[in-house]
PDB file of N, CA and C in Angstrom:
ATOM      1  N   MET A   1     -18.959-162.392 -36.118  1.00  0.00           N
ATOM      2  CA  MET A   1     -18.952-161.302 -37.070  1.00  0.00           C
ATOM      3  C   MET A   1     -19.841-161.694 -38.249  1.00  0.00           C
ATOM      4  N   ILE A   2     -20.632-160.766 -38.717  1.00  0.00           N
ATOM      5  CA  ILE A   2     -21.552-161.018 -39.823  1.00  0.00           C
ATOM      6  C   ILE A   2     -21.044-160.290 -41.057  1.00  0.00           C
ATOM      7  N   PHE A   3     -20.973-160.989 -42.175  1.00  0.00           N
ATOM      8  CA  PHE A   3     -20.601-160.382 -43.445  1.00  0.00           C
ATOM      9  C   PHE A   3     -21.849-160.312 -44.314  1.00  0.00           C
ATOM     10  N   ARG A   4     -22.058-159.202 -44.937  1.00  0.00           N
ATOM     11  CA  ARG A   4     -23.215-159.040 -45.813  1.00  0.00           C
ATOM     12  C   ARG A   4     -22.750-159.102 -47.266  1.00  0.00           C
ATOM     13  N   ARG A   5     -23.629-159.581 -48.129  1.00  0.00           N
ATOM     14  CA  ARG A   5     -23.297-159.664 -49.553  1.00  0.00           C
ATOM     15  C   ARG A   5     -23.574-158.317 -50.208  1.00  0.00           C
ATOM     16  N   HIS A   6     -22.701-157.941 -51.101  1.00  0.00           N
ATOM     17  CA  HIS A   6     -22.853-156.693 -51.850  1.00  0.00           C
ATOM     18  C   HIS A   6     -22.575-156.964 -53.316  1.00  0.00           C
ATOM     19  N   LEU A   7     -23.257-156.225 -54.163  1.00  0.00           N
ATOM     20  CA  LEU A   7     -23.020-156.324 -55.596  1.00  0.00           C
ATOM     21  C   LEU A   7     -21.988-155.273 -55.972  1.00  0.00           C
ATOM     22  N   LEU A   8     -20.871-155.733 -56.484  1.00  0.00           N
ATOM     23  CA  LEU A   8     -19.828-154.832 -56.951  1.00  0.00           C
ATOM     24  C   LEU A   8     -19.529-155.183 -58.394  1.00  0.00           C
ATOM     25  N   GLY A   9     -19.434-154.192 -59.216  1.00  0.00           N
ATOM     26  CA  GLY A   9     -19.083-154.460 -60.600  1.00  0.00           C
ATOM     27  C   GLY A   9     -19.834-153.551 -61.547  1.00  0.00           C
ATOM     28  N   VAL A  10     -19.694-153.844 -62.810  1.00  0.00           N
ATOM     29  CA  VAL A  10     -20.310-153.045 -63.859  1.00  0.00           C
ATOM     30  C   VAL A  10     -21.604-153.718 -64.279  1.00  0.00           C
ATOM     31  N   VAL A  11     -22.658-152.939 -64.388  1.00  0.00           N
ATOM     32  CA  VAL A  11     -23.955-153.457 -64.808  1.00  0.00           C
ATOM     33  C   VAL A  11     -24.319-152.774 -66.116  1.00  0.00           C
ATOM     34  N   SER A  12     -24.593-153.562 -67.134  1.00  0.00           N
ATOM     35  CA  SER A  12     -24.937-153.000 -68.437  1.00  0.00           C
ATOM     36  C   SER A  12     -26.450-152.788 -68.539  1.00  0.00           C
ATOM     37  N   GLU A  13     -26.851-152.069 -69.557  1.00  0.00           N
ATOM     38  CA  GLU A  13     -28.277-151.842 -69.808  1.00  0.00           C
ATOM     39  C   GLU A  13     -28.993-153.172 -70.034  1.00  0.00           C
ATOM     40  N   ALA A  14     -28.315-154.129 -70.676  1.00  0.00           N
ATOM     41  CA  ALA A  14     -28.911-155.450 -70.907  1.00  0.00           C
ATOM     42  C   ALA A  14     -29.177-156.160 -69.582  1.00  0.00           C
ATOM     43  N   ASN A  15     -28.243-156.036 -68.620  1.00  0.00           N
ATOM     44  CA  ASN A  15     -28.449-156.648 -67.306  1.00  0.00           C
ATOM     45  C   ASN A  15     -29.635-156.017 -66.599  1.00  0.00           C
ATOM     46  N   VAL A  16     -29.728-154.712 -66.667  1.00  0.00           N
ATOM     47  CA  VAL A  16     -30.833-154.002 -66.012  1.00  0.00           C
ATOM     48  C   VAL A  16     -32.160-154.398 -66.648  1.00  0.00           C
ATOM     49  N   SER A  17     -32.220-154.431 -67.972  1.00  0.00           N
ATOM     50  CA  SER A  17     -33.458-154.794 -68.666  1.00  0.00           C
ATOM     51  C   SER A  17     -33.864-156.227 -68.373  1.00  0.00           C
ATOM     52  N   GLU A  18     -32.891-157.099 -68.209  1.00  0.00           N
ATOM     53  CA  GLU A  18     -33.192-158.497 -67.899  1.00  0.00           C
ATOM     54  C   GLU A  18     -33.891-158.613 -66.548  1.00  0.00           C
ATOM     55  N   VAL A  19     -33.464-157.816 -65.595  1.00  0.00           N
ATOM     56  CA  VAL A  19     -34.040-157.867 -64.248  1.00  0.00           C
ATOM     57  C   VAL A  19     -35.312-157.039 -64.144  1.00  0.00           C
ATOM     58  N   LEU A  20     -35.278-155.818 -64.651  1.00  0.00           N
ATOM     59  CA  LEU A  20     -36.393-154.885 -64.468  1.00  0.00           C
ATOM     60  C   LEU A  20     -37.394-154.870 -65.603  1.00  0.00           C
ATOM     61  N   GLY A  21     -37.025-155.451 -66.718  1.00  0.00           N
ATOM     62  CA  GLY A  21     -37.870-155.348 -67.897  1.00  0.00           C
ATOM     63  C   GLY A  21     -37.428-154.161 -68.727  1.00  0.00           C
ATOM     64  N   PRO A  22     -37.960-154.022 -69.931  1.00  0.00           N
ATOM     65  CA  PRO A  22     -37.533-152.928 -70.803  1.00  0.00           C
ATOM     66  C   PRO A  22     -37.963-151.572 -70.245  1.00  0.00           C
ATOM     67  N   PRO A  23     -37.188-150.530 -70.529  1.00  0.00           N
ATOM     68  CA  PRO A  23     -37.566-149.200 -70.048  1.00  0.00           C
ATOM     69  C   PRO A  23     -38.865-148.735 -70.696  1.00  0.00           C
ATOM     70  N   GLU A  24     -39.604-147.921 -69.971  1.00  0.00           N
ATOM     71  CA  GLU A  24     -40.870-147.408 -70.494  1.00  0.00           C
ATOM     72  C   GLU A  24     -40.621-146.489 -71.687  1.00  0.00           C
ATOM     73  N   TRP A  25     -39.604-145.649 -71.577  1.00  0.00           N
ATOM     74  CA  TRP A  25     -39.258-144.716 -72.652  1.00  0.00           C
ATOM     75  C   TRP A  25     -37.801-144.934 -73.033  1.00  0.00           C
ATOM     76  N   LEU A  26     -37.533-145.409 -74.251  1.00  0.00           N
ATOM     77  CA  LEU A  26     -36.157-145.526 -74.721  1.00  0.00           C
ATOM     78  C   LEU A  26     -35.592-144.147 -75.048  1.00  0.00           C
ATOM     79  N   TYR A  27     -36.437-143.286 -75.573  1.00  0.00           N
ATOM     80  CA  TYR A  27     -36.045-141.936 -75.970  1.00  0.00           C
ATOM     81  C   TYR A  27     -37.100-140.963 -75.465  1.00  0.00           C
ATOM     82  N   LEU A  28     -36.734-139.711 -75.410  1.00  0.00           N
ATOM     83  CA  LEU A  28     -37.721-138.696 -75.061  1.00  0.00           C
ATOM     84  C   LEU A  28     -38.748-138.602 -76.184  1.00  0.00           C
ATOM     85  N   PRO A  29     -39.987-138.235 -75.866  1.00  0.00           N
ATOM     86  CA  PRO A  29     -41.013-138.124 -76.907  1.00  0.00           C
ATOM     87  C   PRO A  29     -40.626-137.083 -77.965  1.00  0.00           C
ATOM     88  N   ARG A  30     -41.169-137.276 -79.156  1.00  0.00           N
ATOM     89  CA  ARG A  30     -40.890-136.350 -80.258  1.00  0.00           C
ATOM     90  C   ARG A  30     -41.302-134.928 -79.853  1.00  0.00           C
ATOM     91  N   GLY A  31     -40.409-133.993 -80.105  1.00  0.00           N
ATOM     92  CA  GLY A  31     -40.699-132.588 -79.823  1.00  0.00           C
ATOM     93  C   GLY A  31     -40.579-132.205 -78.356  1.00  0.00           C
ATOM     94  N   PHE A  32     -40.024-133.079 -77.520  1.00  0.00           N
ATOM     95  CA  PHE A  32     -39.943-132.820 -76.079  1.00  0.00           C
ATOM     96  C   PHE A  32     -39.282-131.479 -75.776  1.00  0.00           C
ATOM     97  N   ALA A  33     -38.222-131.147 -76.501  1.00  0.00           N
ATOM     98  CA  ALA A  33     -37.489-129.905 -76.237  1.00  0.00           C
ATOM     99  C   ALA A  33     -38.348-128.673 -76.510  1.00  0.00           C
ATOM    100  N   ARG A  34     -39.338-128.808 -77.377  1.00  0.00           N
ATOM    101  CA  ARG A  34     -40.203-127.664 -77.715  1.00  0.00           C
ATOM    102  C   ARG A  34     -41.478-127.628 -76.870  1.00  0.00           C
ATOM    103  N   TRP A  35     -41.681-128.625 -76.010  1.00  0.00           N
ATOM    104  CA  TRP A  35     -42.860-128.618 -75.154  1.00  0.00           C
ATOM    105  C   TRP A  35     -42.788-127.428 -74.202  1.00  0.00           C
ATOM    106  N   PRO A  36     -43.935-126.921 -73.779  1.00  0.00           N
ATOM    107  CA  PRO A  36     -43.919-125.879 -72.749  1.00  0.00           C
ATOM    108  C   PRO A  36     -43.286-126.422 -71.462  1.00  0.00           C
ATOM    109  N   ALA A  37     -42.678-125.546 -70.693  1.00  0.00           N
ATOM    110  CA  ALA A  37     -41.969-125.949 -69.475  1.00  0.00           C
ATOM    111  C   ALA A  37     -42.877-126.735 -68.528  1.00  0.00           C
ATOM    112  N   ALA A  38     -44.126-126.331 -68.406  1.00  0.00           N
ATOM    113  CA  ALA A  38     -45.050-127.015 -67.492  1.00  0.00           C
ATOM    114  C   ALA A  38     -45.284-128.462 -67.931  1.00  0.00           C
ATOM    115  N   LYS A  39     -45.416-128.673 -69.227  1.00  0.00           N
ATOM    116  CA  LYS A  39     -45.649-130.031 -69.750  1.00  0.00           C
ATOM    117  C   LYS A  39     -44.402-130.895 -69.541  1.00  0.00           C
ATOM    118  N   ARG A  40     -43.205-130.305 -69.768  1.00  0.00           N
ATOM    119  CA  ARG A  40     -41.964-131.063 -69.541  1.00  0.00           C
ATOM    120  C   ARG A  40     -41.814-131.418 -68.064  1.00  0.00           C
ATOM    121  N   ARG A  41     -42.147-130.479 -67.153  1.00  0.00           N
ATOM    122  CA  ARG A  41     -42.077-130.756 -65.707  1.00  0.00           C
ATOM    123  C   ARG A  41     -43.024-131.889 -65.319  1.00  0.00           C
ATOM    124  N   LYS A  42     -44.224-131.862 -65.877  1.00  0.00           N
ATOM    125  CA  LYS A  42     -45.204-132.909 -65.574  1.00  0.00           C
ATOM    126  C   LYS A  42     -44.698-134.272 -66.052  1.00  0.00           C
ATOM    127  N   PHE A  43     -44.155-134.324 -67.268  1.00  0.00           N
ATOM    128  CA  PHE A  43     -43.604-135.570 -67.809  1.00  0.00           C
ATOM    129  C   PHE A  43     -42.462-136.068 -66.919  1.00  0.00           C
ATOM    130  N   ASN A  44     -41.529-135.186 -66.590  1.00  0.00           N
ATOM    131  CA  ASN A  44     -40.405-135.571 -65.738  1.00  0.00           C
ATOM    132  C   ASN A  44     -40.875-135.994 -64.350  1.00  0.00           C
ATOM    133  N   GLY A  45     -41.876-135.344 -63.832  1.00  0.00           N
ATOM    134  CA  GLY A  45     -42.427-135.708 -62.525  1.00  0.00           C
ATOM    135  C   GLY A  45     -43.029-137.099 -62.527  1.00  0.00           C
ATOM    136  N   ARG A  46     -43.725-137.454 -63.609  1.00  0.00           N
ATOM    137  CA  ARG A  46     -44.292-138.807 -63.724  1.00  0.00           C
ATOM    138  C   ARG A  46     -43.176-139.841 -63.786  1.00  0.00           C
ATOM    139  N   GLN A  47     -42.113-139.541 -64.520  1.00  0.00           N
ATOM    140  CA  GLN A  47     -40.986-140.464 -64.607  1.00  0.00           C
ATOM    141  C   GLN A  47     -40.339-140.646 -63.230  1.00  0.00           C
ATOM    142  N   LEU A  48     -40.139-139.560 -62.502  1.00  0.00           N
ATOM    143  CA  LEU A  48     -39.534-139.648 -61.169  1.00  0.00           C
ATOM    144  C   LEU A  48     -40.434-140.398 -60.198  1.00  0.00           C
ATOM    145  N   ALA A  49     -41.737-140.147 -60.272  1.00  0.00           N
ATOM    146  CA  ALA A  49     -42.671-140.836 -59.379  1.00  0.00           C
ATOM    147  C   ALA A  49     -42.656-142.341 -59.642  1.00  0.00           C
ATOM    148  N   SER A  50     -42.572-142.713 -60.904  1.00  0.00           N
ATOM    149  CA  SER A  50     -42.515-144.127 -61.259  1.00  0.00           C
ATOM    150  C   SER A  50     -41.254-144.766 -60.680  1.00  0.00           C
ATOM    151  N   GLY A  51     -40.136-144.072 -60.762  1.00  0.00           N
ATOM    152  CA  GLY A  51     -38.883-144.577 -60.208  1.00  0.00           C
ATOM    153  C   GLY A  51     -38.940-144.690 -58.694  1.00  0.00           C
ATOM    154  N   ARG A  52     -39.515-143.685 -58.034  1.00  0.00           N
ATOM    155  CA  ARG A  52     -39.638-143.726 -56.570  1.00  0.00           C
ATOM    156  C   ARG A  52     -40.510-144.885 -56.119  1.00  0.00           C
ATOM    157  N   GLU A  53     -41.588-145.133 -56.852  1.00  0.00           N
ATOM    158  CA  GLU A  53     -42.482-146.246 -56.514  1.00  0.00           C
ATOM    159  C   GLU A  53     -41.754-147.581 -56.660  1.00  0.00           C
ATOM    160  N   PHE A  54     -40.974-147.717 -57.726  1.00  0.00           N
ATOM    161  CA  PHE A  54     -40.215-148.943 -57.945  1.00  0.00           C
ATOM    162  C   PHE A  54     -39.209-149.160 -56.811  1.00  0.00           C
ATOM    163  N   VAL A  55     -38.500-148.105 -56.435  1.00  0.00           N
ATOM    164  CA  VAL A  55     -37.517-148.200 -55.354  1.00  0.00           C
ATOM    165  C   VAL A  55     -38.199-148.541 -54.036  1.00  0.00           C
ATOM    166  N   ALA A  56     -39.339-147.921 -53.768  1.00  0.00           N
ATOM    167  CA  ALA A  56     -40.067-148.198 -52.524  1.00  0.00           C
ATOM    168  C   ALA A  56     -40.494-149.659 -52.446  1.00  0.00           C
ATOM    169  N   LYS A  57     -40.972-150.211 -53.554  1.00  0.00           N
ATOM    170  CA  LYS A  57     -41.373-151.620 -53.563  1.00  0.00           C
ATOM    171  C   LYS A  57     -40.169-152.530 -53.322  1.00  0.00           C
ATOM    172  N   GLY A  58     -39.038-152.190 -53.935  1.00  0.00           N
ATOM    173  CA  GLY A  58     -37.828-152.984 -53.731  1.00  0.00           C
ATOM    174  C   GLY A  58     -37.353-152.932 -52.285  1.00  0.00           C
ATOM    175  N   ARG A  59     -37.376-151.740 -51.695  1.00  0.00           N
ATOM    176  CA  ARG A  59     -36.966-151.599 -50.296  1.00  0.00           C
ATOM    177  C   ARG A  59     -37.907-152.364 -49.367  1.00  0.00           C
ATOM    178  N   ALA A  60     -39.200-152.325 -49.660  1.00  0.00           N
ATOM    179  CA  ALA A  60     -40.161-153.051 -48.836  1.00  0.00           C
ATOM    180  C   ALA A  60     -39.911-154.561 -48.916  1.00  0.00           C
ATOM    181  N   ALA A  61     -39.595-155.052 -50.102  1.00  0.00           N
ATOM    182  CA  ALA A  61     -39.324-156.480 -50.259  1.00  0.00           C
ATOM    183  C   ALA A  61     -38.083-156.885 -49.469  1.00  0.00           C
ATOM    184  N   VAL A  62     -37.039-156.057 -49.525  1.00  0.00           N
ATOM    185  CA  VAL A  62     -35.817-156.350 -48.770  1.00  0.00           C
ATOM    186  C   VAL A  62     -36.093-156.279 -47.276  1.00  0.00           C
ATOM    187  N   ARG A  63     -36.852-155.271 -46.854  1.00  0.00           N
ATOM    188  CA  ARG A  63     -37.203-155.123 -45.440  1.00  0.00           C
ATOM    189  C   ARG A  63     -37.973-156.346 -44.943  1.00  0.00           C
ATOM    190  N   ASP A  64     -38.920-156.823 -45.722  1.00  0.00           N
ATOM    191  CA  ASP A  64     -39.688-158.016 -45.337  1.00  0.00           C
ATOM    192  C   ASP A  64     -38.789-159.239 -45.215  1.00  0.00           C
ATOM    193  N   LEU A  65     -37.846-159.363 -46.134  1.00  0.00           N
ATOM    194  CA  LEU A  65     -36.903-160.481 -46.084  1.00  0.00           C
ATOM    195  C   LEU A  65     -36.050-160.424 -44.825  1.00  0.00           C
ATOM    196  N   ILE A  66     -35.547-159.242 -44.497  1.00  0.00           N
ATOM    197  CA  ILE A  66     -34.720-159.080 -43.297  1.00  0.00           C
ATOM    198  C   ILE A  66     -35.519-159.411 -42.043  1.00  0.00           C
ATOM    199  N   VAL A  67     -36.740-158.906 -41.962  1.00  0.00           N
ATOM    200  CA  VAL A  67     -37.574-159.161 -40.786  1.00  0.00           C
ATOM    201  C   VAL A  67     -37.860-160.649 -40.646  1.00  0.00           C
ATOM    202  N   SER A  68     -38.185-161.321 -41.760  1.00  0.00           N
ATOM    203  CA  SER A  68     -38.487-162.751 -41.668  1.00  0.00           C
ATOM    204  C   SER A  68     -37.252-163.554 -41.271  1.00  0.00           C
ATOM    205  N   GLU A  69     -36.072-163.175 -41.788  1.00  0.00           N
ATOM    206  CA  GLU A  69     -34.849-163.882 -41.403  1.00  0.00           C
ATOM    207  C   GLU A  69     -34.532-163.676 -39.930  1.00  0.00           C
ATOM    208  N   ARG A  70     -34.724-162.460 -39.443  1.00  0.00           N
ATOM    209  CA  ARG A  70     -34.472-162.195 -38.026  1.00  0.00           C
ATOM    210  C   ARG A  70     -35.450-162.975 -37.147  1.00  0.00           C
ATOM    211  N   PHE A  71     -36.697-163.060 -37.583  1.00  0.00           N
ATOM    212  CA  PHE A  71     -37.694-163.802 -36.819  1.00  0.00           C
ATOM    213  C   PHE A  71     -37.307-165.276 -36.750  1.00  0.00           C
ATOM    214  N   LEU A  72     -36.899-165.846 -37.894  1.00  0.00           N
ATOM    215  CA  LEU A  72     -36.482-167.249 -37.918  1.00  0.00           C
ATOM    216  C   LEU A  72     -35.241-167.463 -37.053  1.00  0.00           C
ATOM    217  N   GLN A  73     -34.320-166.517 -37.085  1.00  0.00           N
ATOM    218  CA  GLN A  73     -33.110-166.627 -36.276  1.00  0.00           C
ATOM    219  C   GLN A  73     -33.469-166.596 -34.787  1.00  0.00           C
ATOM    220  N   GLU A  74     -34.387-165.722 -34.395  1.00  0.00           N
ATOM    221  CA  GLU A  74     -34.816-165.652 -32.996  1.00  0.00           C
ATOM    222  C   GLU A  74     -35.516-166.944 -32.583  1.00  0.00           C
ATOM    223  N   GLN A  75     -36.315-167.496 -33.478  1.00  0.00           N
ATOM    224  CA  GLN A  75     -37.005-168.747 -33.166  1.00  0.00           C
ATOM    225  C   GLN A  75     -35.999-169.878 -32.962  1.00  0.00           C
ATOM    226  N   ASN A  76     -34.963-169.934 -33.798  1.00  0.00           N
ATOM    227  CA  ASN A  76     -33.936-170.965 -33.655  1.00  0.00           C
ATOM    228  C   ASN A  76     -33.157-170.791 -32.363  1.00  0.00           C
ATOM    229  N   GLU A  77     -32.853-169.556 -31.997  1.00  0.00           N
ATOM    230  CA  GLU A  77     -32.136-169.316 -30.748  1.00  0.00           C
ATOM    231  C   GLU A  77     -32.970-169.704 -29.543  1.00  0.00           C
ATOM    232  N   MET A  78     -34.274-169.431 -29.611  1.00  0.00           N
ATOM    233  CA  MET A  78     -35.146-169.763 -28.485  1.00  0.00           C
ATOM    234  C   MET A  78     -35.350-171.279 -28.355  1.00  0.00           C
ATOM    235  N   SER A  79     -35.264-171.988 -29.483  1.00  0.00           N
ATOM    236  CA  SER A  79     -35.461-173.438 -29.422  1.00  0.00           C
ATOM    237  C   SER A  79     -34.278-174.136 -28.746  1.00  0.00           C
ATOM    238  N   PHE A  80     -33.106-173.493 -28.760  1.00  0.00           N
ATOM    239  CA  PHE A  80     -31.942-174.049 -28.104  1.00  0.00           C
ATOM    240  C   PHE A  80     -31.988-173.855 -26.588  1.00  0.00           C
ATOM    241  N   LEU A  81     -32.795-172.923 -26.131  1.00  0.00           N
ATOM    242  CA  LEU A  81     -32.866-172.644 -24.686  1.00  0.00           C
ATOM    243  C   LEU A  81     -33.752-173.583 -23.970  1.00  0.00           C
TER     244      LEU A  81
END
């Protein structure tokens, strides 16, 4: 049986900043609420795209780690045969 590690608990903003670095925007830009809807959508879209890119890079790193561990495990199993 294989047990996987999971992170359970409360994560504070300080913990997140320590790992990811400081947020790009601490607050919304001045006058954001008065911006035209198109400009607000564009700003929000850039923020979402940045987050998606960060998540994709993290998933790729985890995927690479899993693949390399599986490859090493297969190599060890084959060496016993």
